C-alpha atoms as a PDB file:
ATOM      1  CA  MET A   1     -53.421  94.009 -76.429  1.00  0.00           C
ATOM      2  CA  TYR A   2     -49.675  93.441 -76.125  1.00  0.00           C
ATOM      3  CA  LYS A   3     -47.749  90.699 -77.817  1.00  0.00           C
ATOM      4  CA  THR A   4     -44.395  89.515 -76.491  1.00  0.00           C
ATOM      5  CA  SER A   5     -41.877  88.072 -78.907  1.00  0.00           C
ATOM      6  CA  PHE A   6     -38.405  86.706 -78.439  1.00  0.00           C
ATOM      7  CA  TYR A   7     -36.029  87.165 -81.355  1.00  0.00           C
ATOM      8  CA  LYS A   8     -32.227  86.907 -81.464  1.00  0.00           C
ATOM      9  CA  ASN A   9     -31.964  86.795 -77.668  1.00  0.00           C
ATOM     10  CA  LYS A  10     -33.980  90.006 -77.287  1.00  0.00           C
ATOM     11  CA  LEU A  11     -37.379  90.330 -75.735  1.00  0.00           C
ATOM     12  CA  ALA A  12     -39.649  92.764 -77.544  1.00  0.00           C
ATOM     13  CA  HIS A  13     -43.109  93.952 -76.586  1.00  0.00           C
ATOM     14  CA  GLU A  14     -45.331  95.030 -79.444  1.00  0.00           C
ATOM     15  CA  GLU A  15     -48.859  96.159 -79.711  1.00  0.00           C
ATOM     16  CA  LYS A  16     -50.981  93.973 -81.929  1.00  0.00           C
ATOM     17  CA  GLY A  17     -51.677  95.808 -85.118  1.00  0.00           C
ATOM     18  CA  LYS A  18     -48.552  97.981 -84.916  1.00  0.00           C
ATOM     19  CA  LYS A  19     -45.289  96.495 -86.048  1.00  0.00           C
ATOM     20  CA  LYS A  20     -41.800  97.789 -85.500  1.00  0.00           C
ATOM     21  CA  SER A  21     -39.437  97.839 -88.408  1.00  0.00           C
ATOM     22  CA  GLN A  22     -37.358  94.700 -88.586  1.00  0.00           C
ATOM     23  CA  SER A  23     -34.158  96.654 -88.963  1.00  0.00           C
ATOM     24  CA  THR A  24     -34.158  97.185 -85.190  1.00  0.00           C
ATOM     25  CA  PHE A  25     -33.846  93.444 -84.660  1.00  0.00           C
ATOM     26  CA  TYR A  26     -30.969  92.758 -87.034  1.00  0.00           C
ATOM     27  CA  THR A  27     -27.382  93.141 -85.933  1.00  0.00           C
ATOM     28  CA  ASN A  28     -24.470  93.918 -88.176  1.00  0.00           C
ATOM     29  CA  THR A  29     -24.261  90.848 -90.420  1.00  0.00           C
ATOM     30  CA  ASN A  30     -21.707  92.350 -92.766  1.00  0.00           C
ATOM     31  CA  ARG A  31     -18.807  91.366 -90.529  1.00  0.00           C
ATOM     32  CA  LYS A  32     -16.443  88.931 -92.191  1.00  0.00           C
ATOM     33  CA  LYS A  33     -15.172  85.941 -90.289  1.00  0.00           C
ATOM     34  CA  SER A  34     -11.763  84.525 -90.994  1.00  0.00           C
ATOM     35  CA  VAL A  35     -11.650  80.758 -91.328  1.00  0.00           C
ATOM     36  CA  ASP A  36      -8.489  78.846 -90.624  1.00  0.00           C
ATOM     37  CA  ILE A  37      -8.265  75.858 -92.961  1.00  0.00           C
ATOM     38  CA  ASN A  38      -5.966  73.988 -90.568  1.00  0.00           C
ATOM     39  CA  ILE A  39      -8.628  74.028 -87.856  1.00  0.00           C
ATOM     40  CA  LEU A  40     -11.175  72.630 -90.287  1.00  0.00           C
ATOM     41  CA  LEU A  41      -8.823  69.907 -91.535  1.00  0.00           C
ATOM     42  CA  ASN A  42      -7.896  68.910 -87.988  1.00  0.00           C
ATOM     43  CA  ARG A  43     -11.575  68.687 -87.083  1.00  0.00           C
ATOM     44  CA  VAL A  44     -12.186  66.383 -90.061  1.00  0.00           C
ATOM     45  CA  LYS A  45      -9.239  64.172 -89.072  1.00  0.00           C
ATOM     46  CA  ILE A  46     -10.453  63.901 -85.480  1.00  0.00           C
ATOM     47  CA  GLU A  47     -13.990  63.060 -86.613  1.00  0.00           C
ATOM     48  CA  GLU A  48     -12.630  60.379 -88.936  1.00  0.00           C
ATOM     49  CA  LYS A  49     -10.578  58.829 -86.104  1.00  0.00           C
ATOM     50  CA  ASN A  50     -13.604  58.862 -83.794  1.00  0.00           C
ATOM     51  CA  ARG A  51     -15.748  57.210 -86.478  1.00  0.00           C
ATOM     52  CA  LEU A  52     -13.121  54.510 -86.986  1.00  0.00           C
ATOM     53  CA  LYS A  53     -12.897  53.878 -83.222  1.00  0.00           C
ATOM     54  CA  LYS A  54     -16.676  53.533 -82.985  1.00  0.00           C
ATOM     55  CA  GLN A  55     -16.711  51.040 -85.862  1.00  0.00           C
ATOM     56  CA  ILE A  56     -13.942  48.957 -84.296  1.00  0.00           C
ATOM     57  CA  ILE A  57     -15.718  48.897 -80.937  1.00  0.00           C
ATOM     58  CA  PHE A  58     -18.999  47.938 -82.616  1.00  0.00           C
ATOM     59  CA  TYR A  59     -17.466  45.042 -84.578  1.00  0.00           C
ATOM     60  CA  CYS A  60     -15.504  43.788 -81.561  1.00  0.00           C
ATOM     61  CA  THR A  61     -18.681  43.820 -79.490  1.00  0.00           C
ATOM     62  CA  ILE A  62     -20.528  41.828 -82.153  1.00  0.00           C
ATOM     63  CA  LEU A  63     -17.689  39.271 -82.350  1.00  0.00           C
ATOM     64  CA  PHE A  64     -17.564  38.960 -78.563  1.00  0.00           C
ATOM     65  CA  LEU A  65     -21.316  38.381 -78.362  1.00  0.00           C
ATOM     66  CA  LEU A  66     -21.128  35.723 -81.085  1.00  0.00           C
ATOM     67  CA  PHE A  67     -18.269  34.016 -79.237  1.00  0.00           C
ATOM     68  CA  VAL A  68     -20.171  34.042 -75.931  1.00  0.00           C
ATOM     69  CA  LEU A  69     -23.347  32.792 -77.592  1.00  0.00           C
ATOM     70  CA  GLY A  70     -21.438  29.994 -79.381  1.00  0.00           C
ATOM     71  CA  THR A  71     -19.722  28.978 -76.153  1.00  0.00           C
ATOM     72  CA  PHE A  72     -23.037  29.038 -74.291  1.00  0.00           C
ATOM     73  CA  ILE A  73     -24.674  26.820 -76.933  1.00  0.00           C
ATOM     74  CA  ALA A  74     -21.702  24.409 -77.006  1.00  0.00           C
ATOM     75  CA  VAL A  75     -21.600  24.012 -73.209  1.00  0.00           C
ATOM     76  CA  PHE A  76     -25.296  23.374 -72.699  1.00  0.00           C
ATOM     77  CA  LYS A  77     -25.787  21.099 -75.716  1.00  0.00           C
END
């Protein structure tokens, strides 16, 4: 009986009971990636600005709804 598995974007067919060595599935993981600290810092700054904008919009929406609700209550009282 055949078993189909999908691992690391590769489709592999195996017979049940027989296993292939896992070294065939792994790619070269010893490659080093260079990380630019400026890119990371800019990403943090942008995320902080977006968070601040969302908070301001949230609080303004709450204040607007309270104002509308207060006006609605005052008019119909």
